[in-house]
């Protein structure tokens, strides 16, 4: 349960019509079921890595910590914005409201609060979408985030 609501996106299939609905206009569409490979959370948001390498986050979204291109708080998962072709293999969520991901090529991507340079972008400033850590010129095998730093 998050915010008093069950996290349903992992279990419920696509629903195109609601039983007993007075008209098709009242039917709700629910996303296809997804399988979580990893769930990472901290005090204000949660991110889920699916078995297909996508990342979705939900919770408070100050400083862009959900990575969906906005700062809008979400009670349901929203897909993190990566450039096309990025497949994620691991996640780490930091206590200072940032998240980093490792992709299949060994590159690190981060988003959220960047007041201390914890995103590794070589410039301060929060990021609402995933940005590649450019200072790394070797293949990374693991990434760990902490309150105001990230290690790879």
N, C-alpha and C. Protein backbone atom coordinates (compact mmCIF):
# COMPACT_ATOMS: atom_id res chain seq x y z
N UNK A 1 0.85 -1.18 0.00
CA UNK A 1 0.00 0.00 0.00
C UNK A 1 0.88 1.23 0.00
N UNK A 2 0.51 2.20 -0.78
CA UNK A 2 1.20 3.49 -0.84
C UNK A 2 0.14 4.56 -0.83
N UNK A 3 0.28 5.53 0.03
CA UNK A 3 -0.71 6.58 0.18
C UNK A 3 -2.09 5.98 0.43
N UNK A 4 -2.16 4.82 1.12
CA UNK A 4 -3.44 4.19 1.42
C UNK A 4 -4.07 3.47 0.25
N UNK A 5 -3.35 3.29 -0.84
CA UNK A 5 -3.90 2.61 -2.02
C UNK A 5 -3.02 1.43 -2.38
N UNK A 6 -3.63 0.38 -2.88
CA UNK A 6 -2.87 -0.76 -3.34
C UNK A 6 -2.16 -0.44 -4.64
N UNK A 7 -0.97 -0.97 -4.81
CA UNK A 7 -0.25 -0.82 -6.06
C UNK A 7 -0.76 -1.92 -6.97
N UNK A 8 -1.61 -1.57 -7.92
CA UNK A 8 -2.30 -2.56 -8.74
C UNK A 8 -1.65 -2.79 -10.09
N UNK A 9 -0.74 -1.97 -10.50
CA UNK A 9 -0.24 -2.04 -11.86
C UNK A 9 0.52 -3.32 -12.15
N UNK A 10 0.97 -4.04 -11.14
CA UNK A 10 1.71 -5.26 -11.37
C UNK A 10 0.80 -6.47 -11.57
N UNK A 11 -0.49 -6.34 -11.25
CA UNK A 11 -1.32 -7.52 -11.22
C UNK A 11 -2.53 -7.52 -12.12
N UNK A 12 -3.03 -6.39 -12.54
CA UNK A 12 -4.30 -6.37 -13.25
C UNK A 12 -4.12 -6.25 -14.75
N UNK A 13 -4.90 -7.02 -15.52
CA UNK A 13 -4.81 -6.98 -16.99
C UNK A 13 -5.55 -5.78 -17.58
N UNK A 14 -5.39 -5.63 -18.88
CA UNK A 14 -6.07 -4.57 -19.61
C UNK A 14 -7.57 -4.80 -19.54
N UNK A 15 -8.28 -3.74 -19.16
CA UNK A 15 -9.74 -3.82 -19.08
C UNK A 15 -10.30 -2.82 -20.07
N UNK A 16 -11.00 -3.30 -21.09
CA UNK A 16 -11.55 -2.40 -22.09
C UNK A 16 -12.99 -2.04 -21.81
N UNK A 17 -13.68 -2.81 -21.03
CA UNK A 17 -15.07 -2.51 -20.68
C UNK A 17 -15.30 -2.93 -19.24
N UNK A 18 -16.09 -2.18 -18.54
CA UNK A 18 -16.37 -2.49 -17.14
C UNK A 18 -17.70 -3.22 -17.04
N UNK A 19 -17.73 -4.31 -16.30
CA UNK A 19 -18.97 -5.06 -16.13
C UNK A 19 -19.98 -4.18 -15.41
N UNK A 20 -21.17 -4.11 -15.94
CA UNK A 20 -22.22 -3.36 -15.31
C UNK A 20 -22.14 -1.86 -15.55
N UNK A 21 -21.22 -1.39 -16.38
CA UNK A 21 -21.13 0.03 -16.66
C UNK A 21 -22.35 0.48 -17.45
N UNK A 22 -22.91 1.64 -17.12
CA UNK A 22 -24.08 2.12 -17.84
C UNK A 22 -23.76 2.47 -19.29
N UNK A 23 -22.52 2.81 -19.61
CA UNK A 23 -22.15 3.11 -20.99
C UNK A 23 -20.66 2.86 -21.16
N UNK A 24 -20.20 2.63 -22.40
CA UNK A 24 -18.77 2.42 -22.62
C UNK A 24 -17.91 3.60 -22.19
N UNK A 25 -18.49 4.79 -22.11
CA UNK A 25 -17.72 5.98 -21.73
C UNK A 25 -17.22 5.92 -20.30
N UNK A 26 -17.82 5.08 -19.46
CA UNK A 26 -17.41 5.01 -18.06
C UNK A 26 -16.41 3.89 -17.80
N UNK A 27 -16.08 3.11 -18.83
CA UNK A 27 -15.10 2.03 -18.65
C UNK A 27 -13.72 2.63 -18.41
N UNK A 28 -12.96 2.01 -17.54
CA UNK A 28 -11.60 2.46 -17.25
C UNK A 28 -10.60 1.55 -17.93
N UNK A 29 -9.54 2.11 -18.44
CA UNK A 29 -8.49 1.32 -19.05
C UNK A 29 -7.38 1.15 -18.02
N UNK A 30 -7.00 -0.09 -17.78
CA UNK A 30 -5.93 -0.41 -16.84
C UNK A 30 -4.78 -0.98 -17.65
N UNK A 31 -3.57 -0.61 -17.32
CA UNK A 31 -2.40 -1.04 -18.08
C UNK A 31 -2.23 -2.55 -18.08
N UNK A 32 -1.57 -3.03 -19.13
CA UNK A 32 -1.22 -4.45 -19.20
C UNK A 32 -0.40 -4.81 -17.96
N UNK A 33 -0.51 -6.04 -17.50
CA UNK A 33 0.29 -6.42 -16.33
C UNK A 33 1.78 -6.40 -16.66
N UNK A 34 2.57 -6.03 -15.70
CA UNK A 34 4.02 -5.99 -15.85
C UNK A 34 4.63 -6.78 -14.71
N UNK A 35 5.80 -7.32 -14.94
CA UNK A 35 6.48 -8.08 -13.91
C UNK A 35 7.68 -7.28 -13.42
N UNK A 36 7.78 -7.13 -12.12
CA UNK A 36 8.88 -6.37 -11.53
C UNK A 36 10.11 -7.24 -11.40
N UNK A 37 11.25 -6.73 -11.87
CA UNK A 37 12.53 -7.40 -11.68
C UNK A 37 13.22 -6.85 -10.42
N UNK A 38 12.94 -5.55 -10.11
CA UNK A 38 13.54 -4.90 -8.94
C UNK A 38 12.64 -3.75 -8.52
N UNK A 39 12.51 -3.57 -7.22
CA UNK A 39 11.79 -2.43 -6.66
C UNK A 39 12.76 -1.72 -5.72
N UNK A 40 12.89 -0.41 -5.90
CA UNK A 40 13.76 0.38 -5.04
C UNK A 40 12.95 1.57 -4.53
N UNK A 41 13.11 1.84 -3.25
CA UNK A 41 12.28 2.88 -2.65
C UNK A 41 13.08 3.68 -1.64
N UNK A 42 12.61 4.87 -1.38
CA UNK A 42 13.13 5.68 -0.29
C UNK A 42 11.95 6.41 0.33
N UNK A 43 12.18 7.38 1.15
CA UNK A 43 11.11 7.96 1.94
C UNK A 43 10.06 8.72 1.14
N UNK A 44 10.33 9.12 -0.11
CA UNK A 44 9.38 9.94 -0.85
C UNK A 44 8.93 9.37 -2.19
N UNK A 45 9.64 8.39 -2.73
CA UNK A 45 9.22 7.81 -4.00
C UNK A 45 9.72 6.38 -4.15
N UNK A 46 9.10 5.67 -5.09
CA UNK A 46 9.44 4.28 -5.38
C UNK A 46 9.63 4.13 -6.88
N UNK A 47 10.62 3.35 -7.28
CA UNK A 47 10.85 3.04 -8.69
C UNK A 47 10.87 1.54 -8.88
N UNK A 48 10.34 1.11 -10.01
CA UNK A 48 10.26 -0.31 -10.33
C UNK A 48 10.93 -0.54 -11.67
N UNK A 49 11.81 -1.53 -11.72
CA UNK A 49 12.43 -1.99 -12.95
C UNK A 49 11.64 -3.20 -13.41
N UNK A 50 11.12 -3.18 -14.63
CA UNK A 50 10.36 -4.32 -15.15
C UNK A 50 11.31 -5.32 -15.80
N UNK A 51 10.81 -6.51 -16.04
CA UNK A 51 11.63 -7.54 -16.68
C UNK A 51 11.96 -7.20 -18.13
N UNK A 52 11.29 -6.21 -18.70
CA UNK A 52 11.59 -5.77 -20.07
C UNK A 52 12.59 -4.61 -20.09
N UNK A 53 13.10 -4.20 -18.92
CA UNK A 53 14.12 -3.15 -18.86
C UNK A 53 13.58 -1.74 -18.82
N UNK A 54 12.27 -1.59 -18.59
CA UNK A 54 11.69 -0.26 -18.44
C UNK A 54 11.68 0.11 -16.96
N UNK A 55 11.61 1.42 -16.68
CA UNK A 55 11.56 1.90 -15.30
C UNK A 55 10.33 2.78 -15.13
N UNK A 56 9.58 2.53 -14.08
CA UNK A 56 8.43 3.36 -13.73
C UNK A 56 8.55 3.76 -12.28
N UNK A 57 8.18 5.03 -11.98
CA UNK A 57 8.29 5.54 -10.63
C UNK A 57 6.99 6.22 -10.21
N UNK A 58 6.75 6.27 -8.90
CA UNK A 58 5.59 6.97 -8.38
C UNK A 58 5.92 7.50 -6.99
N UNK A 59 5.13 8.51 -6.55
CA UNK A 59 5.34 9.14 -5.26
C UNK A 59 5.45 10.65 -5.45
N UNK A 60 6.09 11.31 -4.49
CA UNK A 60 6.31 12.75 -4.59
C UNK A 60 7.34 13.02 -5.69
N UNK A 61 7.18 14.13 -6.40
CA UNK A 61 8.01 14.37 -7.57
C UNK A 61 8.72 15.72 -7.54
N UNK A 62 9.06 16.20 -6.37
CA UNK A 62 9.85 17.42 -6.30
C UNK A 62 11.22 17.16 -6.91
N UNK A 63 11.76 18.13 -7.58
CA UNK A 63 13.09 18.05 -8.21
C UNK A 63 13.14 17.00 -9.32
N UNK A 64 11.99 16.53 -9.78
CA UNK A 64 11.97 15.58 -10.88
C UNK A 64 12.36 14.18 -10.51
N UNK A 65 12.21 13.81 -9.23
CA UNK A 65 12.71 12.52 -8.77
C UNK A 65 12.02 11.32 -9.41
N UNK A 66 10.88 11.52 -10.11
CA UNK A 66 10.23 10.39 -10.79
C UNK A 66 10.77 10.18 -12.20
N UNK A 67 11.49 11.16 -12.74
CA UNK A 67 12.12 10.99 -14.03
C UNK A 67 11.18 10.97 -15.23
N UNK A 68 9.95 11.44 -15.03
CA UNK A 68 8.95 11.38 -16.11
C UNK A 68 8.84 12.67 -16.90
N UNK A 69 9.80 13.59 -16.71
CA UNK A 69 9.80 14.85 -17.45
C UNK A 69 8.97 15.94 -16.80
N UNK A 70 8.40 15.66 -15.62
CA UNK A 70 7.58 16.65 -14.92
C UNK A 70 8.02 16.74 -13.47
N UNK A 71 7.34 17.57 -12.72
CA UNK A 71 7.49 17.61 -11.26
C UNK A 71 6.14 17.34 -10.60
N UNK A 72 5.28 16.63 -11.31
CA UNK A 72 3.93 16.32 -10.81
C UNK A 72 3.95 15.04 -9.98
N UNK A 73 3.46 15.12 -8.75
CA UNK A 73 3.36 13.96 -7.88
C UNK A 73 2.38 12.95 -8.48
N UNK A 74 2.74 11.67 -8.38
CA UNK A 74 1.90 10.63 -8.98
C UNK A 74 1.65 9.50 -7.99
N UNK A 75 0.38 9.08 -7.92
CA UNK A 75 0.00 7.95 -7.09
C UNK A 75 0.08 6.64 -7.85
N UNK A 76 0.22 6.71 -9.15
CA UNK A 76 0.38 5.51 -9.97
C UNK A 76 1.68 5.64 -10.75
N UNK A 77 2.28 4.53 -11.13
CA UNK A 77 3.58 4.57 -11.80
C UNK A 77 3.55 5.34 -13.13
N UNK A 78 4.63 6.06 -13.37
CA UNK A 78 4.82 6.82 -14.59
C UNK A 78 6.18 6.42 -15.16
N UNK A 79 6.25 6.26 -16.46
CA UNK A 79 7.49 5.78 -17.08
C UNK A 79 8.58 6.84 -17.06
N UNK A 80 9.77 6.42 -16.68
CA UNK A 80 10.94 7.30 -16.70
C UNK A 80 11.33 7.54 -18.16
N UNK A 81 11.71 8.79 -18.46
CA UNK A 81 12.06 9.17 -19.82
C UNK A 81 13.55 8.89 -20.06
N UNK A 82 13.81 7.93 -20.95
CA UNK A 82 15.16 7.62 -21.42
C UNK A 82 15.19 7.85 -22.92
N UNK A 83 16.37 8.09 -23.50
CA UNK A 83 16.45 8.10 -24.96
C UNK A 83 16.10 6.72 -25.51
N UNK A 84 15.68 6.66 -26.74
CA UNK A 84 15.31 5.38 -27.35
C UNK A 84 16.46 4.39 -27.31
N UNK A 85 16.13 3.13 -27.11
CA UNK A 85 17.12 2.07 -27.14
C UNK A 85 17.78 1.75 -25.81
N UNK A 86 17.47 2.48 -24.75
CA UNK A 86 18.08 2.21 -23.44
C UNK A 86 17.27 1.12 -22.74
N UNK A 87 17.97 0.06 -22.32
CA UNK A 87 17.36 -1.02 -21.55
C UNK A 87 18.08 -1.08 -20.21
N UNK A 88 17.34 -0.94 -19.14
CA UNK A 88 17.92 -0.86 -17.79
C UNK A 88 18.03 -2.25 -17.17
N UNK A 89 19.12 -2.47 -16.42
CA UNK A 89 19.34 -3.75 -15.75
C UNK A 89 19.35 -3.65 -14.23
N UNK A 90 19.53 -2.43 -13.67
CA UNK A 90 19.57 -2.27 -12.22
C UNK A 90 19.24 -0.82 -11.86
N UNK A 91 18.71 -0.65 -10.63
CA UNK A 91 18.31 0.67 -10.11
C UNK A 91 18.87 0.88 -8.72
N UNK A 92 19.02 2.15 -8.34
CA UNK A 92 19.32 2.52 -6.97
C UNK A 92 18.69 3.88 -6.70
N UNK A 93 17.97 3.99 -5.59
CA UNK A 93 17.27 5.22 -5.23
C UNK A 93 17.96 5.84 -4.02
N UNK A 94 18.40 7.09 -4.14
CA UNK A 94 19.12 7.76 -3.07
C UNK A 94 18.21 8.47 -2.09
N UNK A 95 18.67 8.64 -0.88
CA UNK A 95 17.88 9.32 0.15
C UNK A 95 17.67 10.79 -0.13
N UNK A 96 18.52 11.40 -0.96
CA UNK A 96 18.39 12.82 -1.26
C UNK A 96 17.62 13.03 -2.56
N UNK A 97 16.66 12.16 -2.82
CA UNK A 97 15.70 12.37 -3.89
C UNK A 97 16.27 12.28 -5.30
N UNK A 98 17.14 11.33 -5.52
CA UNK A 98 17.60 11.04 -6.88
C UNK A 98 17.64 9.52 -7.07
N UNK A 99 17.62 9.12 -8.34
CA UNK A 99 17.67 7.70 -8.68
C UNK A 99 18.66 7.53 -9.82
N UNK A 100 19.37 6.42 -9.82
CA UNK A 100 20.28 6.10 -10.92
C UNK A 100 19.99 4.69 -11.41
N UNK A 101 20.25 4.50 -12.71
CA UNK A 101 20.01 3.21 -13.34
C UNK A 101 21.24 2.79 -14.12
N UNK A 102 21.45 1.49 -14.22
CA UNK A 102 22.53 0.92 -15.01
C UNK A 102 21.89 0.27 -16.23
N UNK A 103 22.44 0.52 -17.42
CA UNK A 103 21.85 -0.08 -18.62
C UNK A 103 22.68 -1.26 -19.13
N UNK A 104 22.19 -1.92 -20.16
CA UNK A 104 22.84 -3.12 -20.68
C UNK A 104 24.21 -2.85 -21.28
N UNK A 105 24.51 -1.60 -21.63
CA UNK A 105 25.82 -1.26 -22.18
C UNK A 105 26.83 -0.87 -21.09
N UNK A 106 26.41 -0.90 -19.82
CA UNK A 106 27.29 -0.52 -18.73
C UNK A 106 27.35 0.98 -18.50
N UNK A 107 26.35 1.71 -19.01
CA UNK A 107 26.28 3.15 -18.78
C UNK A 107 25.35 3.44 -17.60
N UNK A 108 25.59 4.55 -16.93
CA UNK A 108 24.78 4.97 -15.78
C UNK A 108 23.93 6.16 -16.18
N UNK A 109 22.66 6.13 -15.80
CA UNK A 109 21.70 7.21 -16.06
C UNK A 109 21.13 7.65 -14.71
N UNK A 110 20.99 8.97 -14.49
CA UNK A 110 20.47 9.47 -13.22
C UNK A 110 19.44 10.57 -13.46
N UNK A 111 18.56 10.79 -12.47
CA UNK A 111 17.58 11.86 -12.53
C UNK A 111 17.17 12.26 -11.12
N UNK A 112 16.60 13.46 -11.00
CA UNK A 112 16.12 13.96 -9.71
C UNK A 112 16.98 15.09 -9.18
N UNK A 113 17.05 15.20 -7.86
CA UNK A 113 17.78 16.26 -7.18
C UNK A 113 19.27 16.20 -7.52
N UNK A 114 19.85 17.37 -7.81
CA UNK A 114 21.27 17.42 -8.16
C UNK A 114 21.93 18.63 -7.53
N UNK A 115 21.60 18.90 -6.27
CA UNK A 115 22.14 20.07 -5.57
C UNK A 115 23.62 19.91 -5.23
N UNK A 116 24.11 18.68 -5.16
CA UNK A 116 25.48 18.43 -4.75
C UNK A 116 26.30 17.74 -5.85
N UNK A 117 25.77 17.64 -7.06
CA UNK A 117 26.45 16.97 -8.15
C UNK A 117 26.30 15.46 -8.14
N UNK A 118 25.33 14.95 -7.35
CA UNK A 118 25.16 13.51 -7.19
C UNK A 118 24.70 12.80 -8.47
N UNK A 119 24.24 13.55 -9.48
CA UNK A 119 23.82 12.91 -10.73
C UNK A 119 25.00 12.68 -11.68
N UNK A 120 26.15 13.27 -11.38
CA UNK A 120 27.32 13.05 -12.21
C UNK A 120 27.24 13.72 -13.57
N UNK A 121 26.50 14.82 -13.66
CA UNK A 121 26.33 15.51 -14.94
C UNK A 121 27.37 16.59 -15.18
N UNK A 122 28.27 16.79 -14.25
CA UNK A 122 29.32 17.80 -14.32
C UNK A 122 28.76 19.22 -14.21
N UNK A 123 27.47 19.36 -13.92
CA UNK A 123 26.84 20.66 -13.70
C UNK A 123 25.70 20.46 -12.70
N UNK A 124 25.53 21.40 -11.80
CA UNK A 124 24.43 21.31 -10.84
C UNK A 124 23.11 21.63 -11.53
N UNK A 125 22.04 21.25 -10.91
CA UNK A 125 20.71 21.49 -11.45
C UNK A 125 19.92 20.19 -11.53
N UNK A 126 18.70 20.21 -11.03
CA UNK A 126 17.86 19.02 -11.02
C UNK A 126 17.52 18.58 -12.43
N UNK A 127 17.27 17.29 -12.60
CA UNK A 127 16.91 16.73 -13.90
C UNK A 127 15.60 15.96 -13.76
N UNK A 128 14.64 16.27 -14.63
CA UNK A 128 13.33 15.59 -14.58
C UNK A 128 13.27 14.39 -15.52
N UNK A 129 14.33 14.18 -16.28
CA UNK A 129 14.44 13.01 -17.16
C UNK A 129 15.82 12.38 -16.94
N UNK A 130 15.94 11.11 -17.29
CA UNK A 130 17.22 10.43 -17.13
C UNK A 130 18.30 11.08 -17.99
N UNK A 131 19.46 11.32 -17.39
CA UNK A 131 20.60 11.89 -18.11
C UNK A 131 21.79 10.95 -17.90
N UNK A 132 22.53 10.71 -18.97
CA UNK A 132 23.67 9.80 -18.89
C UNK A 132 24.84 10.45 -18.16
N UNK A 133 25.46 9.69 -17.28
CA UNK A 133 26.66 10.15 -16.59
C UNK A 133 27.80 10.07 -17.59
N UNK A 134 28.32 11.21 -17.99
CA UNK A 134 29.30 11.29 -19.08
C UNK A 134 30.75 11.14 -18.62
N UNK A 135 31.02 11.32 -17.36
CA UNK A 135 32.40 11.32 -16.89
C UNK A 135 32.98 9.91 -16.78
N UNK A 136 32.16 8.91 -16.99
CA UNK A 136 32.63 7.53 -16.85
C UNK A 136 33.02 6.97 -18.21
N UNK A 137 34.27 6.53 -18.34
CA UNK A 137 34.73 6.01 -19.62
C UNK A 137 35.03 4.51 -19.57
N UNK A 138 34.51 3.85 -18.57
CA UNK A 138 34.65 2.40 -18.45
C UNK A 138 33.26 1.77 -18.32
N UNK A 139 33.17 0.48 -18.58
CA UNK A 139 31.91 -0.23 -18.42
C UNK A 139 31.63 -0.40 -16.93
N UNK A 140 30.47 0.08 -16.49
CA UNK A 140 30.09 0.01 -15.08
C UNK A 140 29.30 -1.28 -14.84
N UNK A 141 29.52 -1.91 -13.69
CA UNK A 141 28.81 -3.16 -13.38
C UNK A 141 27.82 -3.01 -12.23
N UNK A 142 27.90 -1.91 -11.48
CA UNK A 142 26.96 -1.69 -10.37
C UNK A 142 26.90 -0.19 -10.08
N UNK A 143 25.75 0.25 -9.55
CA UNK A 143 25.59 1.64 -9.15
C UNK A 143 24.85 1.67 -7.81
N UNK A 144 25.32 2.54 -6.91
CA UNK A 144 24.70 2.69 -5.59
C UNK A 144 24.54 4.17 -5.30
N UNK A 145 23.35 4.56 -4.87
CA UNK A 145 23.10 5.95 -4.51
C UNK A 145 22.99 6.06 -3.00
N UNK A 146 23.37 7.22 -2.49
CA UNK A 146 23.25 7.52 -1.06
C UNK A 146 22.62 8.89 -0.94
N UNK A 147 22.71 9.52 0.23
CA UNK A 147 21.99 10.77 0.44
C UNK A 147 22.41 11.87 -0.51
N UNK A 148 23.68 12.12 -0.64
CA UNK A 148 24.15 13.22 -1.50
C UNK A 148 25.24 12.77 -2.46
N UNK A 149 25.28 11.48 -2.78
CA UNK A 149 26.30 10.99 -3.67
C UNK A 149 25.85 9.73 -4.39
N UNK A 150 26.61 9.40 -5.42
CA UNK A 150 26.36 8.18 -6.19
C UNK A 150 27.71 7.53 -6.45
N UNK A 151 27.80 6.22 -6.30
CA UNK A 151 29.03 5.48 -6.59
C UNK A 151 28.75 4.44 -7.66
N UNK A 152 29.71 4.26 -8.57
CA UNK A 152 29.56 3.25 -9.62
C UNK A 152 30.87 2.50 -9.78
